[in-house]
Amino acid sequence: MINRNLADASSLAVATNNLIALRGTKDTSDSLRKLDRLMEKTGGARQCQLANGLNFKLSQRQKEAIYSNHLLLLLQANKLDQVRNFSSTRHFFVYLFNN
């Protein structure tokens, strides 16, 4: 798998996101846990952003891919309250429809 000692944070985030996308709907809970490691909670449970300075290291398209995969996994896991919080705090739909 991915050796965390050899990769920088942004490469690890992209590789993790790619693996989650390849898995599809298999093992949703494990995929959510992996994506949660890339996110950090700020200002309570309602604010969620990329951890470890990834917000500055990833391109806009890479961030959109991580956010959209996170949202899709939440929908597959039927965690609708988290979907509402995530989409409202991250302005997710602005990302989707502006590009």
Foldseek 3Di string as FASTA:
>chain_A
DDDPVPDDPLVVLLVLLVVLVVCPLPPLVVSLVSLVVQWDDDPPNLAIDGPDPNVVVDDLVSRLSSLVSNLVSCVSVVVVVVNVSSCVNVVNVCSVPVD
